[in-house]
Amino acid sequence: MPNSNDKSPTQRLRNAPRCQATAKGTGKRCKCTAVRGWRVCQVHGDGGGHRPGPSHPRWVHGGRSRDVTEARLLANLLARGLNSPFVIGGQIA
């Protein structure tokens, strides 16, 4: 009874797809095996991690979040009477 998985584990590891990431300094490619369904290894970003926001374990208050920063910029521009170098033709640049 032939088994489709009859290769040795060492041979399967040698034939596994490799990470596509390259080093900036040397230009050499990473030699780690790529994560299944991805072109890169776990070190170079396999798409894991938490979503930003209150569900993230390191989230504290959100006072520096993108939404708050944009709202603060808009409030400052309105308080200045839209006389700012960031406003071009009434639009925030």
N, C-alpha and C. Protein backbone atom coordinates (compact mmCIF):
# COMPACT_ATOMS: atom_id res chain seq x y z
N MET A 1 0.84 -1.17 0.00
CA MET A 1 0.00 0.00 0.00
C MET A 1 0.89 1.24 0.00
N PRO A 2 0.98 1.97 -1.12
CA PRO A 2 1.86 3.14 -1.20
C PRO A 2 1.28 4.31 -0.40
N ASN A 3 2.15 5.00 0.27
CA ASN A 3 1.77 6.17 1.05
C ASN A 3 2.32 7.41 0.35
N SER A 4 1.49 8.46 0.19
CA SER A 4 1.93 9.66 -0.50
C SER A 4 2.93 10.46 0.35
N ASN A 5 3.01 10.13 1.63
CA ASN A 5 3.89 10.85 2.54
C ASN A 5 5.03 9.94 2.98
N ASP A 6 5.62 9.20 2.04
CA ASP A 6 6.64 8.22 2.39
C ASP A 6 8.05 8.80 2.40
N LYS A 7 8.23 10.11 2.14
CA LYS A 7 9.55 10.72 2.20
C LYS A 7 9.99 10.84 3.66
N SER A 8 11.27 10.88 3.85
CA SER A 8 11.77 11.07 5.21
C SER A 8 11.53 12.52 5.63
N PRO A 9 11.41 12.79 6.92
CA PRO A 9 11.20 14.18 7.37
C PRO A 9 12.33 15.12 6.94
N THR A 10 13.54 14.61 6.88
CA THR A 10 14.66 15.44 6.45
C THR A 10 14.50 15.86 5.00
N GLN A 11 14.09 14.94 4.16
CA GLN A 11 13.90 15.25 2.74
C GLN A 11 12.75 16.23 2.54
N ARG A 12 11.68 16.07 3.31
CA ARG A 12 10.54 17.00 3.22
C ARG A 12 10.98 18.41 3.63
N LEU A 13 11.84 18.52 4.65
CA LEU A 13 12.31 19.82 5.09
C LEU A 13 13.21 20.46 4.03
N ARG A 14 14.05 19.68 3.39
CA ARG A 14 14.91 20.21 2.33
C ARG A 14 14.10 20.71 1.14
N ASN A 15 12.98 20.07 0.85
CA ASN A 15 12.16 20.44 -0.30
C ASN A 15 11.14 21.53 0.03
N ALA A 16 11.06 21.95 1.27
CA ALA A 16 10.06 22.96 1.67
C ALA A 16 10.39 24.30 1.02
N PRO A 17 9.38 25.10 0.71
CA PRO A 17 9.63 26.43 0.13
C PRO A 17 10.36 27.31 1.13
N ARG A 18 11.24 28.16 0.63
CA ARG A 18 12.08 29.01 1.47
C ARG A 18 11.55 30.44 1.49
N CYS A 19 11.95 31.16 2.53
CA CYS A 19 11.55 32.56 2.72
C CYS A 19 12.10 33.40 1.57
N GLN A 20 11.30 34.35 1.10
CA GLN A 20 11.69 35.21 -0.02
C GLN A 20 12.36 36.51 0.43
N ALA A 21 12.47 36.73 1.74
CA ALA A 21 13.05 37.98 2.26
C ALA A 21 14.56 38.02 2.02
N THR A 22 15.06 39.22 1.77
CA THR A 22 16.50 39.41 1.57
C THR A 22 17.02 40.45 2.56
N ALA A 23 18.29 40.31 2.92
CA ALA A 23 18.93 41.26 3.83
C ALA A 23 19.29 42.53 3.07
N LYS A 24 19.12 43.67 3.72
CA LYS A 24 19.45 44.94 3.07
C LYS A 24 20.94 45.10 2.87
N GLY A 25 21.72 44.69 3.85
CA GLY A 25 23.17 44.90 3.79
C GLY A 25 23.88 43.97 2.83
N THR A 26 23.55 42.67 2.89
CA THR A 26 24.27 41.70 2.08
C THR A 26 23.55 41.33 0.80
N GLY A 27 22.24 41.48 0.79
CA GLY A 27 21.46 41.09 -0.38
C GLY A 27 21.18 39.59 -0.45
N LYS A 28 21.60 38.85 0.58
CA LYS A 28 21.38 37.41 0.60
C LYS A 28 19.97 37.10 1.11
N ARG A 29 19.42 35.99 0.61
CA ARG A 29 18.08 35.59 1.00
C ARG A 29 18.10 34.85 2.33
N CYS A 30 16.99 34.92 3.04
CA CYS A 30 16.80 34.19 4.28
C CYS A 30 16.70 32.70 3.95
N LYS A 31 17.24 31.85 4.80
CA LYS A 31 17.25 30.41 4.53
C LYS A 31 16.19 29.65 5.31
N CYS A 32 15.33 30.36 6.06
CA CYS A 32 14.28 29.69 6.83
C CYS A 32 13.19 29.17 5.90
N THR A 33 12.43 28.21 6.40
CA THR A 33 11.29 27.72 5.62
C THR A 33 10.16 28.72 5.72
N ALA A 34 9.44 28.89 4.63
CA ALA A 34 8.32 29.82 4.59
C ALA A 34 7.12 29.21 5.31
N VAL A 35 6.28 30.06 5.87
CA VAL A 35 5.05 29.61 6.51
C VAL A 35 4.08 29.17 5.43
N ARG A 36 3.33 28.13 5.70
CA ARG A 36 2.40 27.60 4.70
C ARG A 36 1.41 28.67 4.27
N GLY A 37 1.33 28.91 2.98
CA GLY A 37 0.44 29.92 2.44
C GLY A 37 1.05 31.31 2.35
N TRP A 38 2.30 31.47 2.78
CA TRP A 38 2.96 32.75 2.73
C TRP A 38 4.29 32.62 2.00
N ARG A 39 4.87 33.74 1.59
CA ARG A 39 6.15 33.72 0.89
C ARG A 39 7.31 33.95 1.83
N VAL A 40 7.03 34.27 3.10
CA VAL A 40 8.07 34.59 4.06
C VAL A 40 7.96 33.71 5.31
N CYS A 41 9.03 33.72 6.12
CA CYS A 41 9.04 32.93 7.35
C CYS A 41 8.36 33.71 8.47
N GLN A 42 8.32 33.12 9.66
CA GLN A 42 7.69 33.79 10.80
C GLN A 42 8.47 35.03 11.23
N VAL A 43 9.77 35.00 11.08
CA VAL A 43 10.60 36.14 11.48
C VAL A 43 10.31 37.36 10.61
N HIS A 44 10.07 37.15 9.32
CA HIS A 44 9.89 38.25 8.39
C HIS A 44 8.44 38.61 8.15
N GLY A 45 7.55 38.18 9.02
CA GLY A 45 6.17 38.64 8.95
C GLY A 45 5.25 37.71 8.22
N ASP A 46 4.65 36.79 8.93
CA ASP A 46 3.72 35.86 8.30
C ASP A 46 2.29 36.33 8.45
N GLY A 47 2.08 37.60 8.79
CA GLY A 47 0.72 38.14 8.88
C GLY A 47 0.09 37.97 10.24
N GLY A 48 0.85 37.61 11.24
CA GLY A 48 0.29 37.42 12.57
C GLY A 48 0.22 38.72 13.33
N GLY A 49 -0.16 38.62 14.57
CA GLY A 49 -0.22 39.79 15.44
C GLY A 49 -1.63 40.24 15.71
N HIS A 50 -1.74 41.16 16.64
CA HIS A 50 -3.04 41.68 17.04
C HIS A 50 -3.46 42.83 16.14
N ARG A 51 -4.76 43.07 16.12
CA ARG A 51 -5.28 44.26 15.46
C ARG A 51 -5.04 45.46 16.36
N PRO A 52 -4.84 46.64 15.80
CA PRO A 52 -4.64 47.81 16.65
C PRO A 52 -5.94 48.19 17.35
N GLY A 53 -5.81 48.74 18.55
CA GLY A 53 -6.98 49.20 19.27
C GLY A 53 -7.09 48.60 20.65
N PRO A 54 -8.25 48.72 21.28
CA PRO A 54 -8.42 48.27 22.66
C PRO A 54 -8.20 46.77 22.87
N SER A 55 -8.32 45.96 21.84
CA SER A 55 -8.11 44.53 22.01
C SER A 55 -6.64 44.15 22.07
N HIS A 56 -5.74 45.09 21.72
CA HIS A 56 -4.31 44.82 21.75
C HIS A 56 -3.81 44.82 23.19
N PRO A 57 -2.97 43.86 23.58
CA PRO A 57 -2.51 43.79 24.97
C PRO A 57 -1.72 45.01 25.45
N ARG A 58 -1.05 45.72 24.53
CA ARG A 58 -0.26 46.87 24.93
C ARG A 58 -1.00 48.19 24.78
N TRP A 59 -2.29 48.15 24.45
CA TRP A 59 -3.08 49.36 24.28
C TRP A 59 -3.32 50.00 25.64
N VAL A 60 -3.06 51.31 25.76
CA VAL A 60 -3.20 51.98 27.05
C VAL A 60 -4.40 52.92 27.04
N HIS A 61 -4.38 53.95 26.19
CA HIS A 61 -5.45 54.93 26.22
C HIS A 61 -5.90 55.39 24.85
N GLY A 62 -5.09 55.26 23.83
CA GLY A 62 -5.48 55.67 22.48
C GLY A 62 -5.32 57.15 22.22
N GLY A 63 -4.68 57.87 23.11
CA GLY A 63 -4.51 59.31 22.94
C GLY A 63 -3.61 59.69 21.77
N ARG A 64 -2.82 58.76 21.29
CA ARG A 64 -1.93 59.02 20.15
C ARG A 64 -2.37 58.25 18.91
N SER A 65 -3.59 57.77 18.90
CA SER A 65 -4.07 57.01 17.75
C SER A 65 -4.26 57.93 16.55
N ARG A 66 -4.39 57.35 15.38
CA ARG A 66 -4.51 58.11 14.14
C ARG A 66 -5.77 58.98 14.16
N ASP A 67 -6.87 58.43 14.64
CA ASP A 67 -8.11 59.19 14.65
C ASP A 67 -8.01 60.41 15.57
N VAL A 68 -7.45 60.23 16.74
CA VAL A 68 -7.31 61.35 17.69
C VAL A 68 -6.34 62.39 17.15
N THR A 69 -5.26 61.95 16.53
CA THR A 69 -4.28 62.88 15.97
C THR A 69 -4.89 63.71 14.85
N GLU A 70 -5.67 63.08 13.97
CA GLU A 70 -6.33 63.82 12.89
C GLU A 70 -7.37 64.79 13.43
N ALA A 71 -8.11 64.39 14.46
CA ALA A 71 -9.11 65.27 15.05
C ALA A 71 -8.43 66.47 15.72
N ARG A 72 -7.29 66.22 16.38
CA ARG A 72 -6.55 67.31 17.01
C ARG A 72 -6.02 68.29 15.98
N LEU A 73 -5.52 67.78 14.85
CA LEU A 73 -5.02 68.64 13.77
C LEU A 73 -6.16 69.49 13.20
N LEU A 74 -7.30 68.88 12.98
CA LEU A 74 -8.45 69.63 12.45
C LEU A 74 -8.91 70.70 13.43
N ALA A 75 -8.95 70.36 14.72
CA ALA A 75 -9.36 71.34 15.72
C ALA A 75 -8.39 72.51 15.78
N ASN A 76 -7.10 72.23 15.69
CA ASN A 76 -6.10 73.30 15.69
C ASN A 76 -6.24 74.19 14.46
N LEU A 77 -6.50 73.58 13.31
CA LEU A 77 -6.66 74.37 12.09
C LEU A 77 -7.89 75.26 12.17
N LEU A 78 -8.97 74.72 12.68
CA LEU A 78 -10.19 75.53 12.82
C LEU A 78 -9.98 76.66 13.83
N ALA A 79 -9.25 76.39 14.90
CA ALA A 79 -8.99 77.42 15.91
C ALA A 79 -8.12 78.54 15.34
N ARG A 80 -7.24 78.22 14.41
CA ARG A 80 -6.37 79.23 13.80
C ARG A 80 -7.07 79.97 12.66
N GLY A 81 -8.25 79.58 12.32
CA GLY A 81 -8.97 80.23 11.24
C GLY A 81 -8.50 79.78 9.88
N LEU A 82 -8.02 78.57 9.78
CA LEU A 82 -7.56 77.97 8.53
C LEU A 82 -6.41 78.75 7.89
N ASN A 83 -5.64 79.48 8.70
CA ASN A 83 -4.46 80.18 8.20
C ASN A 83 -3.22 79.36 8.53
N SER A 84 -3.10 78.26 7.88
CA SER A 84 -2.01 77.35 8.17
C SER A 84 -1.38 76.88 6.86
N PRO A 85 -0.08 76.54 6.89
CA PRO A 85 0.55 76.03 5.67
C PRO A 85 0.02 74.66 5.26
N PHE A 86 -0.72 73.99 6.17
CA PHE A 86 -1.26 72.67 5.85
C PHE A 86 -2.59 72.76 5.11
N VAL A 87 -3.13 73.97 4.97
CA VAL A 87 -4.41 74.15 4.30
C VAL A 87 -4.16 74.77 2.94
N ILE A 88 -4.59 74.08 1.89
CA ILE A 88 -4.42 74.56 0.54
C ILE A 88 -5.81 74.62 -0.09
N GLY A 89 -6.29 75.82 -0.34
CA GLY A 89 -7.61 75.99 -0.95
C GLY A 89 -8.74 75.46 -0.08
N GLY A 90 -8.62 75.58 1.24
CA GLY A 90 -9.66 75.12 2.13
C GLY A 90 -9.61 73.63 2.44
N GLN A 91 -8.65 72.91 1.85
CA GLN A 91 -8.49 71.48 2.07
C GLN A 91 -7.26 71.22 2.92
N ILE A 92 -7.37 70.26 3.83
CA ILE A 92 -6.21 69.90 4.66
C ILE A 92 -5.27 69.08 3.80
N ALA A 93 -4.02 69.52 3.70
CA ALA A 93 -3.03 68.82 2.87
C ALA A 93 -2.27 67.81 3.68
